[in-house]
């Protein structure tokens, strides 16, 4: 999940939790909105944490070539 998906889930969850007053039998739209907002916030925090962590810990491995004398018997 990227930053855009996290923001999208937060927005859709906010609309469902605070902006929709319709009722569907057996479905609590307010709770679904809160769940989507929680998932969006968690995804946003994890994405930011993992992105900042991977950018700060780059390791460069240098390859050294060693020339060895050829064996004349080969």
N, C-alpha and C. Protein backbone atom coordinates (compact mmCIF):
# COMPACT_ATOMS: atom_id res chain seq x y z
N UNK A 1 0.85 -1.16 0.00
CA UNK A 1 0.00 0.00 0.00
C UNK A 1 0.90 1.23 0.00
N UNK A 2 0.61 2.14 -0.85
CA UNK A 2 1.39 3.35 -0.94
C UNK A 2 0.76 4.50 -0.18
N UNK A 3 1.38 5.65 -0.30
CA UNK A 3 0.88 6.84 0.38
C UNK A 3 -0.48 7.24 -0.19
N UNK A 4 -0.63 7.14 -1.50
CA UNK A 4 -1.90 7.50 -2.12
C UNK A 4 -3.05 6.62 -1.67
N UNK A 5 -2.79 5.33 -1.56
CA UNK A 5 -3.85 4.41 -1.12
C UNK A 5 -4.23 4.68 0.33
N UNK A 6 -3.26 5.00 1.17
CA UNK A 6 -3.56 5.32 2.56
C UNK A 6 -4.42 6.56 2.69
N UNK A 7 -4.09 7.59 1.91
CA UNK A 7 -4.89 8.83 1.93
C UNK A 7 -6.29 8.56 1.38
N UNK A 8 -6.40 7.74 0.34
CA UNK A 8 -7.70 7.39 -0.22
C UNK A 8 -8.57 6.67 0.81
N UNK A 9 -8.00 5.71 1.52
CA UNK A 9 -8.77 4.99 2.53
C UNK A 9 -9.20 5.93 3.67
N UNK A 10 -8.32 6.84 4.05
CA UNK A 10 -8.70 7.81 5.07
C UNK A 10 -9.87 8.68 4.60
N UNK A 11 -9.83 9.12 3.35
CA UNK A 11 -10.90 9.99 2.83
C UNK A 11 -12.22 9.24 2.73
N UNK A 12 -12.19 8.04 2.16
CA UNK A 12 -13.43 7.25 2.02
C UNK A 12 -13.99 6.89 3.40
N UNK A 13 -13.12 6.53 4.32
CA UNK A 13 -13.56 6.22 5.67
C UNK A 13 -14.18 7.42 6.37
N UNK A 14 -13.58 8.59 6.16
CA UNK A 14 -14.14 9.81 6.75
C UNK A 14 -15.51 10.15 6.19
N UNK A 15 -15.67 9.96 4.89
CA UNK A 15 -16.98 10.21 4.28
C UNK A 15 -18.01 9.24 4.83
N UNK A 16 -17.65 7.97 4.93
CA UNK A 16 -18.62 6.99 5.45
C UNK A 16 -18.92 7.22 6.93
N UNK A 17 -17.91 7.59 7.70
CA UNK A 17 -18.12 7.74 9.14
C UNK A 17 -18.87 9.02 9.49
N UNK A 18 -18.58 10.11 8.79
CA UNK A 18 -19.14 11.40 9.20
C UNK A 18 -20.13 12.01 8.22
N UNK A 19 -20.11 11.55 6.96
CA UNK A 19 -20.92 12.24 5.96
C UNK A 19 -22.14 11.49 5.47
N UNK A 20 -22.24 10.22 5.74
CA UNK A 20 -23.35 9.42 5.23
C UNK A 20 -24.34 9.16 6.36
N UNK A 21 -25.60 9.49 6.09
CA UNK A 21 -26.62 9.26 7.10
C UNK A 21 -27.62 8.19 6.67
N UNK A 22 -27.39 7.55 5.53
CA UNK A 22 -28.28 6.48 5.09
C UNK A 22 -28.09 5.26 5.98
N UNK A 23 -29.11 4.41 5.94
CA UNK A 23 -29.05 3.19 6.74
C UNK A 23 -29.27 1.99 5.84
N UNK A 24 -28.44 1.00 6.04
CA UNK A 24 -28.60 -0.28 5.34
C UNK A 24 -28.79 -1.33 6.42
N UNK A 25 -29.80 -2.18 6.26
CA UNK A 25 -30.09 -3.15 7.31
C UNK A 25 -28.93 -4.14 7.44
N UNK A 26 -28.44 -4.29 8.65
CA UNK A 26 -27.37 -5.23 8.93
C UNK A 26 -25.98 -4.68 8.67
N UNK A 27 -25.86 -3.43 8.22
CA UNK A 27 -24.55 -2.84 7.92
C UNK A 27 -24.43 -1.51 8.66
N UNK A 28 -23.40 -1.37 9.44
CA UNK A 28 -23.15 -0.12 10.16
C UNK A 28 -22.10 0.66 9.37
N UNK A 29 -22.55 1.66 8.60
CA UNK A 29 -21.65 2.42 7.74
C UNK A 29 -20.65 3.25 8.54
N UNK A 30 -21.05 3.68 9.73
CA UNK A 30 -20.14 4.44 10.57
C UNK A 30 -18.96 3.58 11.00
N UNK A 31 -19.22 2.35 11.38
CA UNK A 31 -18.15 1.44 11.80
C UNK A 31 -17.25 1.08 10.63
N UNK A 32 -17.83 0.87 9.47
CA UNK A 32 -17.02 0.59 8.28
C UNK A 32 -16.13 1.78 7.96
N UNK A 33 -16.65 2.98 8.13
CA UNK A 33 -15.84 4.18 7.94
C UNK A 33 -14.68 4.25 8.91
N UNK A 34 -14.93 3.95 10.18
CA UNK A 34 -13.85 3.94 11.16
C UNK A 34 -12.80 2.88 10.84
N UNK A 35 -13.24 1.73 10.39
CA UNK A 35 -12.30 0.66 10.04
C UNK A 35 -11.44 1.08 8.85
N UNK A 36 -12.07 1.69 7.83
CA UNK A 36 -11.29 2.15 6.68
C UNK A 36 -10.31 3.25 7.07
N UNK A 37 -10.74 4.14 7.96
CA UNK A 37 -9.83 5.19 8.40
C UNK A 37 -8.65 4.61 9.18
N UNK A 38 -8.90 3.60 10.00
CA UNK A 38 -7.81 2.95 10.73
C UNK A 38 -6.85 2.23 9.81
N UNK A 39 -7.40 1.54 8.81
CA UNK A 39 -6.54 0.84 7.85
C UNK A 39 -5.72 1.83 7.03
N UNK A 40 -6.32 2.94 6.66
CA UNK A 40 -5.59 3.96 5.91
C UNK A 40 -4.49 4.59 6.73
N UNK A 41 -4.77 4.89 7.98
CA UNK A 41 -3.75 5.50 8.85
C UNK A 41 -2.61 4.53 9.11
N UNK A 42 -2.95 3.27 9.35
CA UNK A 42 -1.91 2.26 9.58
C UNK A 42 -1.06 2.06 8.33
N UNK A 43 -1.70 1.98 7.18
CA UNK A 43 -0.95 1.84 5.93
C UNK A 43 -0.08 3.03 5.64
N UNK A 44 -0.56 4.22 5.93
CA UNK A 44 0.22 5.44 5.72
C UNK A 44 1.45 5.48 6.63
N UNK A 45 1.26 5.14 7.89
CA UNK A 45 2.39 5.13 8.83
C UNK A 45 3.41 4.07 8.44
N UNK A 46 2.95 2.88 8.10
CA UNK A 46 3.88 1.82 7.70
C UNK A 46 4.64 2.17 6.43
N UNK A 47 3.96 2.76 5.46
CA UNK A 47 4.61 3.14 4.22
C UNK A 47 5.69 4.19 4.47
N UNK A 48 5.38 5.19 5.27
CA UNK A 48 6.36 6.23 5.57
C UNK A 48 7.53 5.66 6.36
N UNK A 49 7.26 4.79 7.31
CA UNK A 49 8.32 4.18 8.11
C UNK A 49 9.24 3.32 7.25
N UNK A 50 8.66 2.46 6.42
CA UNK A 50 9.48 1.57 5.61
C UNK A 50 10.23 2.32 4.51
N UNK A 51 9.64 3.37 3.98
CA UNK A 51 10.32 4.15 2.95
C UNK A 51 11.50 4.91 3.54
N UNK A 52 11.33 5.51 4.70
CA UNK A 52 12.44 6.24 5.31
C UNK A 52 13.54 5.30 5.78
N UNK A 53 13.17 4.12 6.18
CA UNK A 53 14.15 3.14 6.64
C UNK A 53 14.99 2.60 5.49
N UNK A 54 14.37 2.35 4.35
CA UNK A 54 15.12 1.79 3.23
C UNK A 54 16.02 2.83 2.58
N UNK A 55 15.65 4.10 2.67
CA UNK A 55 16.48 5.15 2.07
C UNK A 55 17.71 5.44 2.90
N UNK A 56 17.66 5.22 4.20
CA UNK A 56 18.78 5.59 5.06
C UNK A 56 19.81 4.48 5.22
N UNK A 57 19.50 3.28 4.80
CA UNK A 57 20.43 2.17 5.03
C UNK A 57 20.82 1.51 3.71
N UNK A 58 21.52 2.24 2.89
CA UNK A 58 22.00 1.67 1.65
C UNK A 58 23.43 1.20 1.84
N UNK A 59 23.70 0.02 1.37
CA UNK A 59 25.03 -0.55 1.48
C UNK A 59 25.61 -0.70 0.09
N UNK A 60 26.83 -0.23 -0.08
CA UNK A 60 27.51 -0.34 -1.37
C UNK A 60 28.59 -1.39 -1.23
N UNK A 61 28.52 -2.39 -2.07
CA UNK A 61 29.51 -3.46 -2.06
C UNK A 61 30.42 -3.26 -3.25
N UNK A 62 31.70 -3.15 -2.98
CA UNK A 62 32.66 -2.96 -4.06
C UNK A 62 33.26 -4.31 -4.42
N UNK A 63 33.34 -4.54 -5.67
CA UNK A 63 33.90 -5.79 -6.16
C UNK A 63 35.35 -5.52 -6.58
N UNK A 64 36.25 -6.30 -6.01
CA UNK A 64 37.65 -6.14 -6.35
C UNK A 64 38.08 -7.32 -7.22
N UNK A 65 38.81 -7.00 -8.26
CA UNK A 65 39.32 -8.04 -9.15
C UNK A 65 40.77 -8.30 -8.83
N UNK A 66 41.08 -9.54 -8.71
CA UNK A 66 42.45 -9.95 -8.43
C UNK A 66 42.94 -10.75 -9.63
N UNK A 67 44.02 -10.28 -10.22
CA UNK A 67 44.57 -11.02 -11.36
C UNK A 67 45.60 -12.00 -10.84
N UNK A 68 45.44 -13.23 -11.25
CA UNK A 68 46.36 -14.28 -10.84
C UNK A 68 47.16 -14.72 -12.07
N UNK A 69 48.41 -15.06 -11.83
CA UNK A 69 49.19 -15.51 -12.98
C UNK A 69 48.64 -16.83 -13.52
N UNK A 70 48.67 -16.94 -14.83
CA UNK A 70 48.17 -18.16 -15.46
C UNK A 70 49.17 -19.29 -15.25
N UNK A 71 48.62 -20.45 -15.07
CA UNK A 71 49.44 -21.64 -14.93
C UNK A 71 49.87 -22.09 -16.31
N UNK A 72 51.19 -22.15 -16.60
CA UNK A 72 51.63 -22.51 -17.95
C UNK A 72 51.29 -23.96 -18.33
N UNK A 73 50.99 -24.79 -17.36
CA UNK A 73 50.69 -26.18 -17.68
C UNK A 73 49.28 -26.35 -18.25
N UNK A 74 48.41 -25.36 -18.10
CA UNK A 74 47.04 -25.47 -18.59
C UNK A 74 46.94 -25.12 -20.01
